[in-house]
Amino acid sequence: MHRQMVLGNYIVDFYCHKAKLVVEIDGGQHFDDEGLKKDEFRTAWLESQGLIVLRFTNLEVDRNFFEVCERIREVVDQRLVELTDR
């Protein structure tokens, strides 16, 4: 997994090339109207590139770190199977 990877016009928080997975950790600036709209366009573009985007809040990571990690692992495992089956 790479940290702060440039994809198109965006810098994503984390990127796993093998699983075609983007993980975003969102702070408070993502939850106002402007931030939500930007994230919507960003996610749409990333998904149009064949990527899956997982978003977690800073609070989720702080309070439920192991659960967040487990969710990421589940998605990676699922994606690797899907991409291998093609």
N, C-alpha and C. Protein backbone atom coordinates (compact mmCIF):
# COMPACT_ATOMS: atom_id res chain seq x y z
N MET A 1 0.86 -1.17 0.00
CA MET A 1 0.00 0.00 0.00
C MET A 1 0.90 1.23 0.00
N HIS A 2 0.55 2.18 -0.84
CA HIS A 2 1.30 3.43 -0.94
C HIS A 2 0.57 4.53 -0.20
N ARG A 3 1.33 5.42 0.38
CA ARG A 3 0.75 6.56 1.09
C ARG A 3 0.87 7.80 0.21
N GLN A 4 -0.19 8.58 0.14
CA GLN A 4 -0.26 9.82 -0.63
C GLN A 4 0.22 9.63 -2.06
N MET A 5 -0.59 8.93 -2.81
CA MET A 5 -0.31 8.62 -4.21
C MET A 5 -1.07 9.58 -5.11
N VAL A 6 -0.45 10.02 -6.18
CA VAL A 6 -1.10 10.88 -7.16
C VAL A 6 -1.82 9.99 -8.17
N LEU A 7 -3.13 10.21 -8.29
CA LEU A 7 -3.95 9.52 -9.28
C LEU A 7 -4.73 10.59 -10.03
N GLY A 8 -4.43 10.77 -11.30
CA GLY A 8 -5.06 11.83 -12.07
C GLY A 8 -4.74 13.18 -11.44
N ASN A 9 -5.77 13.96 -11.17
CA ASN A 9 -5.60 15.28 -10.55
C ASN A 9 -5.72 15.23 -9.03
N TYR A 10 -5.70 14.04 -8.46
CA TYR A 10 -5.94 13.88 -7.03
C TYR A 10 -4.75 13.24 -6.32
N ILE A 11 -4.62 13.56 -5.06
CA ILE A 11 -3.68 12.87 -4.18
C ILE A 11 -4.53 12.09 -3.20
N VAL A 12 -4.45 10.77 -3.27
CA VAL A 12 -5.23 9.93 -2.37
C VAL A 12 -4.40 9.62 -1.13
N ASP A 13 -5.09 9.34 -0.04
CA ASP A 13 -4.38 9.06 1.22
C ASP A 13 -3.58 7.77 1.14
N PHE A 14 -4.24 6.70 0.69
CA PHE A 14 -3.58 5.40 0.56
C PHE A 14 -4.07 4.72 -0.71
N TYR A 15 -3.16 3.98 -1.37
CA TYR A 15 -3.51 3.31 -2.61
C TYR A 15 -2.84 1.94 -2.67
N CYS A 16 -3.64 0.93 -2.96
CA CYS A 16 -3.14 -0.42 -3.16
C CYS A 16 -3.35 -0.77 -4.63
N HIS A 17 -2.28 -0.75 -5.40
CA HIS A 17 -2.36 -1.01 -6.84
C HIS A 17 -2.88 -2.41 -7.14
N LYS A 18 -2.38 -3.38 -6.42
CA LYS A 18 -2.75 -4.78 -6.68
C LYS A 18 -4.25 -5.01 -6.53
N ALA A 19 -4.87 -4.38 -5.53
CA ALA A 19 -6.31 -4.53 -5.29
C ALA A 19 -7.13 -3.41 -5.92
N LYS A 20 -6.45 -2.46 -6.57
CA LYS A 20 -7.13 -1.29 -7.15
C LYS A 20 -8.05 -0.64 -6.13
N LEU A 21 -7.46 -0.34 -4.97
CA LEU A 21 -8.21 0.18 -3.83
C LEU A 21 -7.61 1.49 -3.34
N VAL A 22 -8.48 2.46 -3.13
CA VAL A 22 -8.12 3.74 -2.53
C VAL A 22 -8.75 3.79 -1.15
N VAL A 23 -7.96 4.20 -0.15
CA VAL A 23 -8.48 4.38 1.20
C VAL A 23 -8.29 5.85 1.56
N GLU A 24 -9.38 6.50 1.91
CA GLU A 24 -9.36 7.90 2.30
C GLU A 24 -9.71 8.02 3.77
N ILE A 25 -8.95 8.83 4.49
CA ILE A 25 -9.22 9.13 5.89
C ILE A 25 -9.62 10.60 5.94
N ASP A 26 -10.89 10.85 6.24
CA ASP A 26 -11.45 12.18 6.10
C ASP A 26 -11.55 12.93 7.43
N GLY A 27 -11.04 14.15 7.41
CA GLY A 27 -11.19 15.05 8.54
C GLY A 27 -12.42 15.92 8.36
N GLY A 28 -12.61 16.87 9.26
CA GLY A 28 -13.80 17.71 9.30
C GLY A 28 -14.07 18.50 8.04
N GLN A 29 -13.05 18.89 7.30
CA GLN A 29 -13.24 19.69 6.08
C GLN A 29 -14.01 18.94 5.00
N HIS A 30 -14.16 17.65 5.15
CA HIS A 30 -14.87 16.84 4.16
C HIS A 30 -16.38 16.83 4.38
N PHE A 31 -16.86 17.41 5.47
CA PHE A 31 -18.26 17.25 5.83
C PHE A 31 -19.11 18.50 5.66
N ASP A 32 -18.55 19.57 5.12
CA ASP A 32 -19.40 20.71 4.77
C ASP A 32 -19.87 20.50 3.33
N ASP A 33 -20.76 21.36 2.86
CA ASP A 33 -21.34 21.18 1.52
C ASP A 33 -20.27 21.12 0.43
N GLU A 34 -19.30 22.02 0.49
CA GLU A 34 -18.25 22.07 -0.53
C GLU A 34 -17.40 20.80 -0.48
N GLY A 35 -17.02 20.38 0.71
CA GLY A 35 -16.20 19.18 0.85
C GLY A 35 -16.92 17.93 0.37
N LEU A 36 -18.20 17.83 0.68
CA LEU A 36 -18.98 16.68 0.24
C LEU A 36 -19.09 16.64 -1.29
N LYS A 37 -19.29 17.80 -1.90
CA LYS A 37 -19.40 17.86 -3.35
C LYS A 37 -18.06 17.48 -4.01
N LYS A 38 -16.96 18.00 -3.49
CA LYS A 38 -15.64 17.66 -4.03
C LYS A 38 -15.38 16.16 -3.91
N ASP A 39 -15.70 15.60 -2.75
CA ASP A 39 -15.48 14.17 -2.55
C ASP A 39 -16.34 13.33 -3.48
N GLU A 40 -17.56 13.79 -3.76
CA GLU A 40 -18.44 13.07 -4.67
C GLU A 40 -17.82 13.00 -6.07
N PHE A 41 -17.31 14.15 -6.57
CA PHE A 41 -16.67 14.17 -7.89
C PHE A 41 -15.39 13.33 -7.89
N ARG A 42 -14.62 13.46 -6.85
CA ARG A 42 -13.36 12.73 -6.71
C ARG A 42 -13.63 11.22 -6.73
N THR A 43 -14.60 10.77 -5.93
CA THR A 43 -14.92 9.35 -5.87
C THR A 43 -15.43 8.86 -7.22
N ALA A 44 -16.28 9.64 -7.86
CA ALA A 44 -16.80 9.26 -9.18
C ALA A 44 -15.67 9.08 -10.19
N TRP A 45 -14.72 10.00 -10.18
CA TRP A 45 -13.60 9.88 -11.12
C TRP A 45 -12.76 8.64 -10.80
N LEU A 46 -12.43 8.44 -9.53
CA LEU A 46 -11.63 7.28 -9.15
C LEU A 46 -12.33 5.98 -9.53
N GLU A 47 -13.63 5.90 -9.28
CA GLU A 47 -14.39 4.71 -9.64
C GLU A 47 -14.45 4.52 -11.15
N SER A 48 -14.46 5.61 -11.91
CA SER A 48 -14.46 5.50 -13.37
C SER A 48 -13.15 4.92 -13.89
N GLN A 49 -12.13 4.92 -13.04
CA GLN A 49 -10.84 4.35 -13.39
C GLN A 49 -10.73 2.88 -12.94
N GLY A 50 -11.84 2.33 -12.47
CA GLY A 50 -11.86 0.93 -12.04
C GLY A 50 -11.41 0.71 -10.61
N LEU A 51 -11.37 1.78 -9.83
CA LEU A 51 -10.92 1.69 -8.44
C LEU A 51 -12.11 1.61 -7.49
N ILE A 52 -11.88 1.01 -6.34
CA ILE A 52 -12.84 1.01 -5.24
C ILE A 52 -12.33 2.04 -4.23
N VAL A 53 -13.24 2.85 -3.69
CA VAL A 53 -12.87 3.86 -2.71
C VAL A 53 -13.53 3.54 -1.38
N LEU A 54 -12.70 3.39 -0.35
CA LEU A 54 -13.20 3.24 1.01
C LEU A 54 -12.92 4.54 1.75
N ARG A 55 -13.91 5.04 2.45
CA ARG A 55 -13.74 6.27 3.23
C ARG A 55 -14.01 5.97 4.70
N PHE A 56 -13.14 6.51 5.53
CA PHE A 56 -13.30 6.44 6.97
C PHE A 56 -13.06 7.83 7.53
N THR A 57 -13.71 8.14 8.62
CA THR A 57 -13.46 9.42 9.28
C THR A 57 -12.26 9.27 10.21
N ASN A 58 -11.66 10.42 10.54
CA ASN A 58 -10.58 10.40 11.53
C ASN A 58 -11.07 9.76 12.83
N LEU A 59 -12.30 10.08 13.21
CA LEU A 59 -12.87 9.55 14.44
C LEU A 59 -12.99 8.03 14.39
N GLU A 60 -13.44 7.49 13.27
CA GLU A 60 -13.53 6.03 13.12
C GLU A 60 -12.16 5.38 13.30
N VAL A 61 -11.15 5.97 12.69
CA VAL A 61 -9.80 5.42 12.79
C VAL A 61 -9.31 5.50 14.23
N ASP A 62 -9.54 6.64 14.88
CA ASP A 62 -9.09 6.81 16.27
C ASP A 62 -9.79 5.85 17.23
N ARG A 63 -11.09 5.69 17.06
CA ARG A 63 -11.87 4.89 18.02
C ARG A 63 -11.98 3.41 17.68
N ASN A 64 -11.85 3.09 16.39
CA ASN A 64 -12.07 1.71 15.94
C ASN A 64 -10.96 1.26 14.99
N PHE A 65 -9.73 1.52 15.36
CA PHE A 65 -8.61 1.27 14.46
C PHE A 65 -8.59 -0.17 13.94
N PHE A 66 -8.73 -1.14 14.81
CA PHE A 66 -8.64 -2.53 14.38
C PHE A 66 -9.80 -2.92 13.48
N GLU A 67 -10.98 -2.38 13.73
CA GLU A 67 -12.12 -2.66 12.87
C GLU A 67 -11.93 -2.04 11.49
N VAL A 68 -11.36 -0.85 11.44
CA VAL A 68 -11.06 -0.20 10.16
C VAL A 68 -10.06 -1.05 9.38
N CYS A 69 -9.02 -1.49 10.06
CA CYS A 69 -8.01 -2.34 9.41
C CYS A 69 -8.62 -3.64 8.91
N GLU A 70 -9.49 -4.22 9.69
CA GLU A 70 -10.16 -5.46 9.29
C GLU A 70 -11.02 -5.23 8.05
N ARG A 71 -11.73 -4.13 8.01
CA ARG A 71 -12.57 -3.81 6.84
C ARG A 71 -11.70 -3.64 5.59
N ILE A 72 -10.59 -2.97 5.73
CA ILE A 72 -9.67 -2.80 4.59
C ILE A 72 -9.17 -4.16 4.13
N ARG A 73 -8.79 -5.01 5.07
CA ARG A 73 -8.30 -6.35 4.72
C ARG A 73 -9.37 -7.15 3.99
N GLU A 74 -10.61 -7.08 4.47
CA GLU A 74 -11.71 -7.80 3.82
C GLU A 74 -11.88 -7.35 2.36
N VAL A 75 -11.84 -6.05 2.15
CA VAL A 75 -12.03 -5.53 0.80
C VAL A 75 -10.85 -5.90 -0.08
N VAL A 76 -9.65 -5.82 0.45
CA VAL A 76 -8.46 -6.22 -0.33
C VAL A 76 -8.59 -7.69 -0.74
N ASP A 77 -8.90 -8.55 0.21
CA ASP A 77 -9.04 -9.98 -0.10
C ASP A 77 -10.09 -10.21 -1.17
N GLN A 78 -11.24 -9.55 -1.04
CA GLN A 78 -12.32 -9.70 -2.02
C GLN A 78 -11.89 -9.20 -3.39
N ARG A 79 -11.25 -8.04 -3.43
CA ARG A 79 -10.81 -7.47 -4.70
C ARG A 79 -9.77 -8.35 -5.39
N LEU A 80 -8.86 -8.91 -4.62
CA LEU A 80 -7.83 -9.77 -5.22
C LEU A 80 -8.46 -10.99 -5.88
N VAL A 81 -9.48 -11.56 -5.26
CA VAL A 81 -10.19 -12.69 -5.85
C VAL A 81 -10.90 -12.23 -7.12
N GLU A 82 -11.61 -11.12 -7.05
CA GLU A 82 -12.34 -10.60 -8.21
C GLU A 82 -11.41 -10.32 -9.38
N LEU A 83 -10.30 -9.69 -9.11
CA LEU A 83 -9.37 -9.30 -10.17
C LEU A 83 -8.63 -10.50 -10.74
N THR A 84 -8.43 -11.53 -9.94
CA THR A 84 -7.77 -12.74 -10.40
C THR A 84 -8.70 -13.57 -11.28
N ASP A 85 -10.00 -13.51 -10.98
CA ASP A 85 -10.99 -14.29 -11.73
C ASP A 85 -11.25 -13.73 -13.12
N ARG A 86 -10.79 -12.56 -13.42
CA ARG A 86 -11.06 -11.94 -14.75
C ARG A 86 -10.33 -12.63 -15.85
